[in-house]
Amino acid sequence: LHKKVEDMKYLLTVLCGIVFFSSCKDDNEDNVEPRFDRTVIFYISGDNSLSDDVEDNVNDIIAGTAGIGENNVAVLLVDNNNTKPKTMVVKNGAIESQTIFDNDFYMTSPNMMKTLLTSVMNENTAKSYGFVFWGHCTGWFIDNDSISTRAYGPDNNGGASMSGDKWINFPTLAMVF
């Protein structure tokens, strides 16, 4: 019996040591200094009947960033009819960088939306974030859990018609966040 108690004390000491030293691990990811005070992400779903308004609105957003300071940035995720989606990083009234994706995709796909937002937030770390969803919306009221009564979008993946539209409903959007 005495041998089993000694073995248990030894095992308990080893386990406590493992827990203690593993809990004191310094995670560099948690200590990353944000690049900006604020990053505002504009998610522009214009691959639909709003396509004609996208360019003017994007230009207005760019102009509106004049004077926001060096510690703030706007990132525009833009999709439009007959163009490939792109990301634009904008500061002080000017485009700092732009990435055009190789292929068109559904901006309203939950997996794609999560991938895009995660990428933007990782590349433009900030103390705080703002989100603007530009596009159609069917309203915030819940009516029998219907997409037609609470959704954002649509995206028709590069087409010019409203057929083949994909919406993202608000419960799914909440899961993305």
N, C-alpha and C. Protein backbone atom coordinates (compact mmCIF):
# COMPACT_ATOMS: atom_id res chain seq x y z
N LEU A 1 0.83 -1.19 0.00
CA LEU A 1 0.00 0.00 0.00
C LEU A 1 0.88 1.26 0.00
N HIS A 2 1.96 1.24 0.81
CA HIS A 2 2.86 2.38 0.89
C HIS A 2 3.50 2.66 -0.48
N LYS A 3 3.85 1.63 -1.24
CA LYS A 3 4.45 1.78 -2.57
C LYS A 3 3.46 2.44 -3.53
N LYS A 4 2.17 2.06 -3.46
CA LYS A 4 1.16 2.66 -4.34
C LYS A 4 0.96 4.13 -4.02
N VAL A 5 1.00 4.52 -2.75
CA VAL A 5 0.86 5.92 -2.35
C VAL A 5 2.05 6.72 -2.88
N GLU A 6 3.25 6.19 -2.74
CA GLU A 6 4.44 6.86 -3.25
C GLU A 6 4.37 7.02 -4.77
N ASP A 7 3.91 6.00 -5.49
CA ASP A 7 3.76 6.07 -6.94
C ASP A 7 2.73 7.13 -7.33
N MET A 8 1.64 7.21 -6.58
CA MET A 8 0.60 8.19 -6.85
C MET A 8 1.12 9.61 -6.61
N LYS A 9 1.90 9.81 -5.54
CA LYS A 9 2.48 11.12 -5.27
C LYS A 9 3.41 11.54 -6.40
N TYR A 10 4.23 10.58 -6.85
CA TYR A 10 5.14 10.85 -7.96
C TYR A 10 4.36 11.24 -9.22
N LEU A 11 3.33 10.45 -9.54
CA LEU A 11 2.51 10.71 -10.73
C LEU A 11 1.81 12.06 -10.62
N LEU A 12 1.29 12.37 -9.45
CA LEU A 12 0.61 13.64 -9.24
C LEU A 12 1.59 14.81 -9.39
N THR A 13 2.81 14.66 -8.87
CA THR A 13 3.83 15.70 -9.00
C THR A 13 4.19 15.93 -10.47
N VAL A 14 4.36 14.86 -11.22
CA VAL A 14 4.69 14.97 -12.64
C VAL A 14 3.55 15.66 -13.40
N LEU A 15 2.32 15.25 -13.15
CA LEU A 15 1.17 15.86 -13.83
C LEU A 15 1.03 17.34 -13.50
N CYS A 16 1.21 17.70 -12.24
CA CYS A 16 1.14 19.11 -11.85
C CYS A 16 2.23 19.93 -12.55
N GLY A 17 3.43 19.35 -12.65
CA GLY A 17 4.52 20.02 -13.35
C GLY A 17 4.20 20.25 -14.81
N ILE A 18 3.64 19.24 -15.46
CA ILE A 18 3.27 19.37 -16.88
C ILE A 18 2.22 20.46 -17.04
N VAL A 19 1.20 20.45 -16.22
CA VAL A 19 0.14 21.46 -16.30
C VAL A 19 0.71 22.85 -16.04
N PHE A 20 1.56 22.98 -15.03
CA PHE A 20 2.13 24.27 -14.68
C PHE A 20 2.96 24.84 -15.83
N PHE A 21 3.85 24.04 -16.37
CA PHE A 21 4.73 24.55 -17.42
C PHE A 21 4.02 24.75 -18.74
N SER A 22 3.02 23.95 -19.05
CA SER A 22 2.30 24.16 -20.30
C SER A 22 1.38 25.36 -20.20
N SER A 23 0.89 25.71 -19.01
CA SER A 23 0.00 26.85 -18.88
C SER A 23 0.76 28.17 -18.92
N CYS A 24 2.06 28.13 -18.75
CA CYS A 24 2.86 29.35 -18.75
C CYS A 24 3.46 29.63 -20.12
N LYS A 25 2.97 28.95 -21.13
CA LYS A 25 3.49 29.11 -22.48
C LYS A 25 3.22 30.53 -22.99
N ASP A 26 4.19 31.15 -23.62
CA ASP A 26 4.04 32.48 -24.18
C ASP A 26 3.62 32.35 -25.64
N ASP A 27 2.39 32.72 -25.94
CA ASP A 27 1.87 32.65 -27.30
C ASP A 27 2.16 33.96 -28.01
N ASN A 28 3.01 33.94 -29.02
CA ASN A 28 3.32 35.15 -29.76
C ASN A 28 2.11 35.72 -30.46
N GLU A 29 1.18 34.87 -30.91
CA GLU A 29 0.00 35.36 -31.63
C GLU A 29 -0.84 36.26 -30.74
N ASP A 30 -0.90 35.98 -29.43
CA ASP A 30 -1.70 36.80 -28.53
C ASP A 30 -1.03 38.13 -28.24
N ASN A 31 0.25 38.24 -28.53
CA ASN A 31 1.00 39.45 -28.22
C ASN A 31 1.27 40.30 -29.45
N VAL A 32 0.57 40.07 -30.53
CA VAL A 32 0.77 40.83 -31.75
C VAL A 32 0.23 42.25 -31.56
N GLU A 33 1.06 43.22 -31.84
CA GLU A 33 0.65 44.62 -31.75
C GLU A 33 -0.20 44.96 -32.98
N PRO A 34 -1.41 45.50 -32.78
CA PRO A 34 -2.27 45.84 -33.92
C PRO A 34 -1.60 46.88 -34.82
N ARG A 35 -1.79 46.74 -36.11
CA ARG A 35 -1.23 47.70 -37.07
C ARG A 35 -1.98 49.02 -37.05
N PHE A 36 -3.30 48.95 -36.77
CA PHE A 36 -4.15 50.14 -36.86
C PHE A 36 -4.99 50.30 -35.60
N ASP A 37 -5.46 51.52 -35.38
CA ASP A 37 -6.43 51.74 -34.31
C ASP A 37 -7.78 51.16 -34.71
N ARG A 38 -8.17 51.40 -35.97
CA ARG A 38 -9.47 50.92 -36.44
C ARG A 38 -9.36 50.48 -37.90
N THR A 39 -9.95 49.32 -38.19
CA THR A 39 -10.09 48.82 -39.55
C THR A 39 -11.58 48.70 -39.83
N VAL A 40 -12.03 49.37 -40.88
CA VAL A 40 -13.43 49.27 -41.29
C VAL A 40 -13.48 48.47 -42.59
N ILE A 41 -14.26 47.40 -42.57
CA ILE A 41 -14.38 46.50 -43.72
C ILE A 41 -15.71 46.77 -44.42
N PHE A 42 -15.62 47.09 -45.70
CA PHE A 42 -16.81 47.29 -46.52
C PHE A 42 -16.99 46.03 -47.37
N TYR A 43 -18.07 45.32 -47.14
CA TYR A 43 -18.35 44.08 -47.88
C TYR A 43 -19.39 44.44 -48.93
N ILE A 44 -18.94 44.58 -50.17
CA ILE A 44 -19.77 45.14 -51.24
C ILE A 44 -20.22 44.04 -52.18
N SER A 45 -21.49 43.64 -52.02
CA SER A 45 -22.08 42.60 -52.86
C SER A 45 -22.89 43.28 -53.97
N GLY A 46 -22.19 43.54 -55.09
CA GLY A 46 -22.82 44.25 -56.20
C GLY A 46 -22.97 43.40 -57.44
N ASP A 47 -22.86 42.09 -57.28
CA ASP A 47 -23.01 41.17 -58.42
C ASP A 47 -24.49 40.84 -58.56
N ASN A 48 -25.28 41.91 -58.81
CA ASN A 48 -26.74 41.81 -58.87
C ASN A 48 -27.28 43.09 -59.51
N SER A 49 -28.51 43.44 -59.24
CA SER A 49 -29.11 44.62 -59.87
C SER A 49 -28.51 45.94 -59.38
N LEU A 50 -27.66 45.92 -58.38
CA LEU A 50 -26.99 47.13 -57.89
C LEU A 50 -25.66 47.39 -58.60
N SER A 51 -25.32 46.58 -59.54
CA SER A 51 -24.02 46.63 -60.20
C SER A 51 -23.67 48.03 -60.74
N ASP A 52 -24.65 48.72 -61.29
CA ASP A 52 -24.39 50.04 -61.87
C ASP A 52 -23.97 51.07 -60.82
N ASP A 53 -24.26 50.82 -59.55
CA ASP A 53 -23.95 51.77 -58.48
C ASP A 53 -22.62 51.50 -57.79
N VAL A 54 -22.03 50.36 -58.03
CA VAL A 54 -20.83 49.95 -57.28
C VAL A 54 -19.68 50.93 -57.48
N GLU A 55 -19.31 51.22 -58.71
CA GLU A 55 -18.13 52.05 -58.97
C GLU A 55 -18.26 53.43 -58.33
N ASP A 56 -19.41 54.08 -58.48
CA ASP A 56 -19.59 55.40 -57.87
C ASP A 56 -19.50 55.32 -56.35
N ASN A 57 -20.11 54.31 -55.76
CA ASN A 57 -20.08 54.17 -54.31
C ASN A 57 -18.68 53.85 -53.80
N VAL A 58 -17.94 53.02 -54.51
CA VAL A 58 -16.56 52.73 -54.14
C VAL A 58 -15.73 54.01 -54.18
N ASN A 59 -15.90 54.80 -55.24
CA ASN A 59 -15.17 56.07 -55.34
C ASN A 59 -15.54 57.01 -54.19
N ASP A 60 -16.81 57.03 -53.79
CA ASP A 60 -17.23 57.85 -52.66
C ASP A 60 -16.58 57.38 -51.36
N ILE A 61 -16.48 56.07 -51.17
CA ILE A 61 -15.85 55.53 -49.97
C ILE A 61 -14.37 55.91 -49.93
N ILE A 62 -13.70 55.77 -51.08
CA ILE A 62 -12.28 56.14 -51.16
C ILE A 62 -12.11 57.61 -50.81
N ALA A 63 -12.91 58.48 -51.40
CA ALA A 63 -12.84 59.92 -51.11
C ALA A 63 -13.16 60.19 -49.64
N GLY A 64 -14.07 59.44 -49.08
CA GLY A 64 -14.46 59.62 -47.69
C GLY A 64 -13.40 59.25 -46.68
N THR A 65 -12.39 58.52 -47.12
CA THR A 65 -11.30 58.15 -46.20
C THR A 65 -10.24 59.23 -46.07
N ALA A 66 -10.35 60.29 -46.86
CA ALA A 66 -9.37 61.38 -46.77
C ALA A 66 -9.39 61.94 -45.35
N GLY A 67 -8.23 62.03 -44.78
CA GLY A 67 -8.13 62.61 -43.45
C GLY A 67 -8.43 61.68 -42.30
N ILE A 68 -8.52 60.37 -42.54
CA ILE A 68 -8.81 59.45 -41.44
C ILE A 68 -7.57 59.17 -40.59
N GLY A 69 -6.42 59.62 -41.05
CA GLY A 69 -5.19 59.44 -40.29
C GLY A 69 -4.47 58.16 -40.64
N GLU A 70 -3.23 58.11 -40.23
CA GLU A 70 -2.37 56.96 -40.54
C GLU A 70 -2.72 55.72 -39.74
N ASN A 71 -3.45 55.88 -38.64
CA ASN A 71 -3.74 54.75 -37.76
C ASN A 71 -5.08 54.08 -38.06
N ASN A 72 -5.70 54.44 -39.16
CA ASN A 72 -6.99 53.86 -39.53
C ASN A 72 -6.95 53.45 -41.00
N VAL A 73 -7.74 52.42 -41.33
CA VAL A 73 -7.74 51.92 -42.70
C VAL A 73 -9.14 51.42 -43.06
N ALA A 74 -9.47 51.54 -44.33
CA ALA A 74 -10.69 50.93 -44.87
C ALA A 74 -10.28 49.83 -45.83
N VAL A 75 -10.94 48.69 -45.72
CA VAL A 75 -10.68 47.59 -46.63
C VAL A 75 -11.99 47.27 -47.33
N LEU A 76 -11.96 47.32 -48.66
CA LEU A 76 -13.16 47.08 -49.45
C LEU A 76 -13.05 45.71 -50.11
N LEU A 77 -14.03 44.87 -49.87
CA LEU A 77 -14.17 43.60 -50.57
C LEU A 77 -15.30 43.83 -51.57
N VAL A 78 -14.95 43.85 -52.86
CA VAL A 78 -15.88 44.31 -53.89
C VAL A 78 -16.16 43.22 -54.91
N ASP A 79 -17.44 43.00 -55.18
CA ASP A 79 -17.85 42.11 -56.27
C ASP A 79 -18.87 42.86 -57.10
N ASN A 80 -18.75 42.73 -58.40
CA ASN A 80 -19.59 43.45 -59.34
C ASN A 80 -19.92 42.53 -60.50
N ASN A 81 -20.99 42.84 -61.23
CA ASN A 81 -21.32 42.04 -62.42
C ASN A 81 -20.16 42.05 -63.41
N ASN A 82 -19.89 40.91 -63.99
CA ASN A 82 -18.92 40.75 -65.07
C ASN A 82 -17.50 41.19 -64.71
N THR A 83 -17.18 41.21 -63.42
CA THR A 83 -15.80 41.45 -62.99
C THR A 83 -15.47 40.41 -61.93
N LYS A 84 -14.20 40.21 -61.72
CA LYS A 84 -13.77 39.30 -60.66
C LYS A 84 -13.74 40.08 -59.34
N PRO A 85 -14.04 39.42 -58.24
CA PRO A 85 -13.97 40.10 -56.94
C PRO A 85 -12.57 40.63 -56.67
N LYS A 86 -12.51 41.68 -55.84
CA LYS A 86 -11.22 42.26 -55.50
C LYS A 86 -11.24 42.79 -54.07
N THR A 87 -10.05 42.96 -53.54
CA THR A 87 -9.84 43.57 -52.23
C THR A 87 -9.05 44.84 -52.44
N MET A 88 -9.50 45.93 -51.82
CA MET A 88 -8.80 47.21 -51.91
C MET A 88 -8.52 47.71 -50.50
N VAL A 89 -7.28 48.05 -50.23
CA VAL A 89 -6.90 48.66 -48.95
C VAL A 89 -6.78 50.15 -49.20
N VAL A 90 -7.54 50.94 -48.44
CA VAL A 90 -7.65 52.38 -48.70
C VAL A 90 -7.32 53.17 -47.44
N LYS A 91 -6.46 54.19 -47.62
CA LYS A 91 -6.12 55.10 -46.52
C LYS A 91 -6.02 56.51 -47.06
N ASN A 92 -6.55 57.44 -46.32
CA ASN A 92 -6.40 58.87 -46.63
C ASN A 92 -6.72 59.22 -48.08
N GLY A 93 -7.80 58.67 -48.58
CA GLY A 93 -8.29 59.03 -49.91
C GLY A 93 -7.58 58.36 -51.07
N ALA A 94 -6.77 57.35 -50.79
CA ALA A 94 -6.03 56.69 -51.87
C ALA A 94 -6.01 55.18 -51.66
N ILE A 95 -5.96 54.46 -52.77
CA ILE A 95 -5.84 53.00 -52.72
C ILE A 95 -4.37 52.67 -52.47
N GLU A 96 -4.10 51.99 -51.36
CA GLU A 96 -2.73 51.59 -51.04
C GLU A 96 -2.35 50.29 -51.73
N SER A 97 -3.31 49.38 -51.83
CA SER A 97 -3.06 48.11 -52.52
C SER A 97 -4.38 47.53 -53.00
N GLN A 98 -4.26 46.70 -54.01
CA GLN A 98 -5.46 46.07 -54.59
C GLN A 98 -5.10 44.66 -55.03
N THR A 99 -5.99 43.73 -54.72
CA THR A 99 -5.81 42.34 -55.13
C THR A 99 -7.05 41.91 -55.88
N ILE A 100 -6.87 41.46 -57.11
CA ILE A 100 -7.98 40.94 -57.92
C ILE A 100 -7.88 39.43 -57.89
N PHE A 101 -8.96 38.77 -57.52
CA PHE A 101 -8.97 37.32 -57.43
C PHE A 101 -8.97 36.71 -58.82
N ASP A 102 -8.39 35.53 -58.95
CA ASP A 102 -8.28 34.85 -60.24
C ASP A 102 -9.63 34.39 -60.77
N ASN A 103 -10.52 34.00 -59.87
CA ASN A 103 -11.82 33.46 -60.27
C ASN A 103 -12.95 34.17 -59.54
N ASP A 104 -14.12 34.17 -60.18
CA ASP A 104 -15.31 34.69 -59.52
C ASP A 104 -15.80 33.62 -58.54
N PHE A 105 -16.48 34.04 -57.50
CA PHE A 105 -17.03 33.12 -56.51
C PHE A 105 -18.22 33.81 -55.87
N TYR A 106 -18.99 33.05 -55.13
CA TYR A 106 -20.13 33.62 -54.42
C TYR A 106 -19.64 34.32 -53.16
N MET A 107 -19.77 35.64 -53.12
CA MET A 107 -19.40 36.40 -51.93
C MET A 107 -20.32 36.08 -50.75
N THR A 108 -21.47 35.53 -51.04
CA THR A 108 -22.44 35.21 -49.98
C THR A 108 -22.29 33.78 -49.47
N SER A 109 -21.30 33.05 -49.96
CA SER A 109 -21.02 31.72 -49.43
C SER A 109 -20.47 31.88 -48.01
N PRO A 110 -21.07 31.21 -47.02
CA PRO A 110 -20.57 31.36 -45.64
C PRO A 110 -19.08 31.03 -45.51
N ASN A 111 -18.62 29.97 -46.14
CA ASN A 111 -17.21 29.60 -46.04
C ASN A 111 -16.32 30.65 -46.68
N MET A 112 -16.71 31.16 -47.85
CA MET A 112 -15.91 32.18 -48.53
C MET A 112 -15.92 33.48 -47.72
N MET A 113 -17.08 33.85 -47.19
CA MET A 113 -17.16 35.07 -46.40
C MET A 113 -16.24 34.98 -45.18
N LYS A 114 -16.27 33.86 -44.49
CA LYS A 114 -15.42 33.68 -43.31
C LYS A 114 -13.95 33.73 -43.70
N THR A 115 -13.59 33.09 -44.80
CA THR A 115 -12.21 33.11 -45.29
C THR A 115 -11.76 34.53 -45.61
N LEU A 116 -12.59 35.27 -46.33
CA LEU A 116 -12.25 36.64 -46.71
C LEU A 116 -12.09 37.54 -45.49
N LEU A 117 -13.07 37.49 -44.59
CA LEU A 117 -13.02 38.36 -43.41
C LEU A 117 -11.85 38.01 -42.50
N THR A 118 -11.57 36.73 -42.34
CA THR A 118 -10.44 36.31 -41.52
C THR A 118 -9.13 36.81 -42.13
N SER A 119 -9.00 36.67 -43.43
CA SER A 119 -7.79 37.13 -44.12
C SER A 119 -7.61 38.65 -43.95
N VAL A 120 -8.67 39.40 -44.17
CA VAL A 120 -8.59 40.85 -44.05
C VAL A 120 -8.23 41.26 -42.62
N MET A 121 -8.85 40.61 -41.64
CA MET A 121 -8.58 40.96 -40.25
C MET A 121 -7.16 40.56 -39.83
N ASN A 122 -6.64 39.47 -40.37
CA ASN A 122 -5.27 39.06 -40.05
C ASN A 122 -4.24 39.98 -40.70
N GLU A 123 -4.54 40.48 -41.88
CA GLU A 123 -3.61 41.36 -42.59
C GLU A 123 -3.71 42.81 -42.14
N ASN A 124 -4.83 43.18 -41.54
CA ASN A 124 -5.06 44.57 -41.12
C ASN A 124 -5.49 44.60 -39.66
N THR A 125 -4.65 44.04 -38.81
CA THR A 125 -4.98 43.94 -37.39
C THR A 125 -5.26 45.33 -36.81
N ALA A 126 -6.23 45.38 -35.91
CA ALA A 126 -6.62 46.66 -35.34
C ALA A 126 -7.11 46.48 -33.91
N LYS A 127 -7.15 47.59 -33.19
CA LYS A 127 -7.70 47.58 -31.84
C LYS A 127 -9.22 47.40 -31.90
N SER A 128 -9.84 47.89 -32.98
CA SER A 128 -11.28 47.71 -33.16
C SER A 128 -11.61 47.62 -34.65
N TYR A 129 -12.75 47.01 -34.93
CA TYR A 129 -13.17 46.79 -36.31
C TYR A 129 -14.58 47.31 -36.50
N GLY A 130 -14.86 47.72 -37.73
CA GLY A 130 -16.22 48.09 -38.13
C GLY A 130 -16.55 47.34 -39.41
N PHE A 131 -17.80 47.02 -39.57
CA PHE A 131 -18.25 46.31 -40.77
C PHE A 131 -19.41 47.06 -41.41
N VAL A 132 -19.34 47.20 -42.73
CA VAL A 132 -20.43 47.78 -43.49
C VAL A 132 -20.80 46.77 -44.57
N PHE A 133 -22.05 46.34 -44.56
CA PHE A 133 -22.52 45.42 -45.60
C PHE A 133 -23.32 46.23 -46.61
N TRP A 134 -22.76 46.34 -47.81
CA TRP A 134 -23.34 47.12 -48.89
C TRP A 134 -23.99 46.12 -49.84
N GLY A 135 -25.26 46.30 -50.12
CA GLY A 135 -25.96 45.41 -51.03
C GLY A 135 -27.43 45.37 -50.70
N HIS A 136 -28.09 44.38 -51.23
CA HIS A 136 -29.51 44.18 -50.94
C HIS A 136 -29.69 43.52 -49.58
N CYS A 137 -30.81 43.79 -48.97
CA CYS A 137 -31.17 43.14 -47.72
C CYS A 137 -32.68 43.00 -47.72
N THR A 138 -33.15 41.88 -47.24
CA THR A 138 -34.60 41.65 -47.25
C THR A 138 -35.26 42.00 -45.93
N GLY A 139 -34.51 42.59 -45.01
CA GLY A 139 -35.08 43.03 -43.74
C GLY A 139 -34.59 42.20 -42.59
N TRP A 140 -34.77 42.74 -41.39
CA TRP A 140 -34.27 42.10 -40.19
C TRP A 140 -35.31 41.27 -39.47
N PHE A 141 -36.58 41.43 -39.84
CA PHE A 141 -37.63 40.75 -39.11
C PHE A 141 -37.68 39.27 -39.44
N ILE A 142 -37.90 38.47 -38.42
CA ILE A 142 -37.97 37.02 -38.57
C ILE A 142 -39.40 36.63 -38.92
N ASP A 143 -39.56 35.86 -39.98
CA ASP A 143 -40.88 35.38 -40.39
C ASP A 143 -40.74 33.93 -40.82
N ASN A 144 -41.01 33.01 -39.91
CA ASN A 144 -40.95 31.58 -40.21
C ASN A 144 -39.60 31.13 -40.74
N ASP A 145 -38.50 31.76 -40.27
CA ASP A 145 -37.15 31.38 -40.65
C ASP A 145 -36.95 31.30 -42.16
N SER A 146 -37.48 32.27 -42.86
CA SER A 146 -37.41 32.28 -44.32
C SER A 146 -36.27 33.15 -44.80
N ILE A 147 -35.50 32.65 -45.74
CA ILE A 147 -34.43 33.45 -46.33
C ILE A 147 -35.00 34.69 -47.00
N SER A 148 -36.17 34.58 -47.59
CA SER A 148 -36.73 35.72 -48.31
C SER A 148 -37.11 36.87 -47.39
N THR A 149 -37.11 36.64 -46.07
CA THR A 149 -37.47 37.73 -45.17
C THR A 149 -36.33 38.19 -44.28
N ARG A 150 -35.17 37.58 -44.36
CA ARG A 150 -34.03 38.06 -43.56
C ARG A 150 -32.72 37.54 -44.14
N ALA A 151 -32.24 38.24 -45.14
CA ALA A 151 -31.02 37.80 -45.81
C ALA A 151 -30.27 38.99 -46.40
N TYR A 152 -28.98 38.76 -46.70
CA TYR A 152 -28.12 39.76 -47.33
C TYR A 152 -27.58 39.17 -48.63
N GLY A 153 -27.41 40.04 -49.61
CA GLY A 153 -26.85 39.61 -50.89
C GLY A 153 -27.56 40.34 -52.01
N PRO A 154 -27.97 39.67 -53.01
CA PRO A 154 -27.52 38.35 -53.43
C PRO A 154 -26.26 38.45 -54.28
N ASP A 155 -25.69 37.32 -54.57
CA ASP A 155 -24.56 37.23 -55.50
C ASP A 155 -24.96 36.22 -56.55
N ASN A 156 -24.79 36.60 -57.82
CA ASN A 156 -25.12 35.64 -58.88
C ASN A 156 -23.89 35.15 -59.62
N ASN A 157 -22.72 35.26 -58.96
CA ASN A 157 -21.48 34.66 -59.44
C ASN A 157 -21.12 35.08 -60.86
N GLY A 158 -21.15 36.38 -61.12
CA GLY A 158 -20.67 36.90 -62.39
C GLY A 158 -21.70 37.04 -63.48
N GLY A 159 -22.92 36.64 -63.22
CA GLY A 159 -23.96 36.77 -64.24
C GLY A 159 -24.59 38.14 -64.20
N ALA A 160 -25.38 38.44 -65.20
CA ALA A 160 -26.03 39.75 -65.26
C ALA A 160 -27.50 39.67 -64.90
N SER A 161 -28.02 38.51 -64.68
CA SER A 161 -29.44 38.38 -64.36
C SER A 161 -29.60 38.05 -62.89
N MET A 162 -30.83 38.05 -62.43
CA MET A 162 -31.11 37.73 -61.04
C MET A 162 -31.34 36.23 -60.85
N SER A 163 -31.20 35.44 -61.91
CA SER A 163 -31.35 33.99 -61.74
C SER A 163 -30.07 33.41 -61.18
N GLY A 164 -30.17 32.41 -60.38
CA GLY A 164 -29.01 31.78 -59.78
C GLY A 164 -28.46 32.56 -58.60
N ASP A 165 -29.24 33.48 -58.05
CA ASP A 165 -28.79 34.28 -56.92
C ASP A 165 -28.59 33.44 -55.68
N LYS A 166 -27.56 33.79 -54.92
CA LYS A 166 -27.29 33.14 -53.63
C LYS A 166 -27.31 34.22 -52.56
N TRP A 167 -28.15 34.02 -51.56
CA TRP A 167 -28.25 34.92 -50.42
C TRP A 167 -27.59 34.25 -49.23
N ILE A 168 -27.25 35.04 -48.21
CA ILE A 168 -26.84 34.49 -46.92
C ILE A 168 -27.84 34.99 -45.89
N ASN A 169 -28.45 34.06 -45.17
CA ASN A 169 -29.45 34.49 -44.18
C ASN A 169 -28.74 34.94 -42.91
N PHE A 170 -29.44 35.68 -42.08
CA PHE A 170 -28.82 36.28 -40.92
C PHE A 170 -28.36 35.29 -39.86
N PRO A 171 -29.07 34.20 -39.60
CA PRO A 171 -28.50 33.22 -38.66
C PRO A 171 -27.17 32.65 -39.15
N THR A 172 -27.05 32.41 -40.46
CA THR A 172 -25.79 31.92 -41.01
C THR A 172 -24.73 33.01 -40.95
N LEU A 173 -25.11 34.23 -41.22
CA LEU A 173 -24.18 35.37 -41.12
C LEU A 173 -23.65 35.49 -39.68
N ALA A 174 -24.51 35.29 -38.72
CA ALA A 174 -24.09 35.35 -37.32
C ALA A 174 -23.07 34.23 -37.03
N MET A 175 -23.25 33.07 -37.63
CA MET A 175 -22.29 31.98 -37.44
C MET A 175 -20.94 32.31 -38.08
N VAL A 176 -20.96 33.05 -39.19
CA VAL A 176 -19.71 33.47 -39.84
C VAL A 176 -18.89 34.32 -38.88
N PHE A 177 -19.58 35.22 -38.18
CA PHE A 177 -18.89 36.09 -37.23
C PHE A 177 -18.52 35.36 -35.97
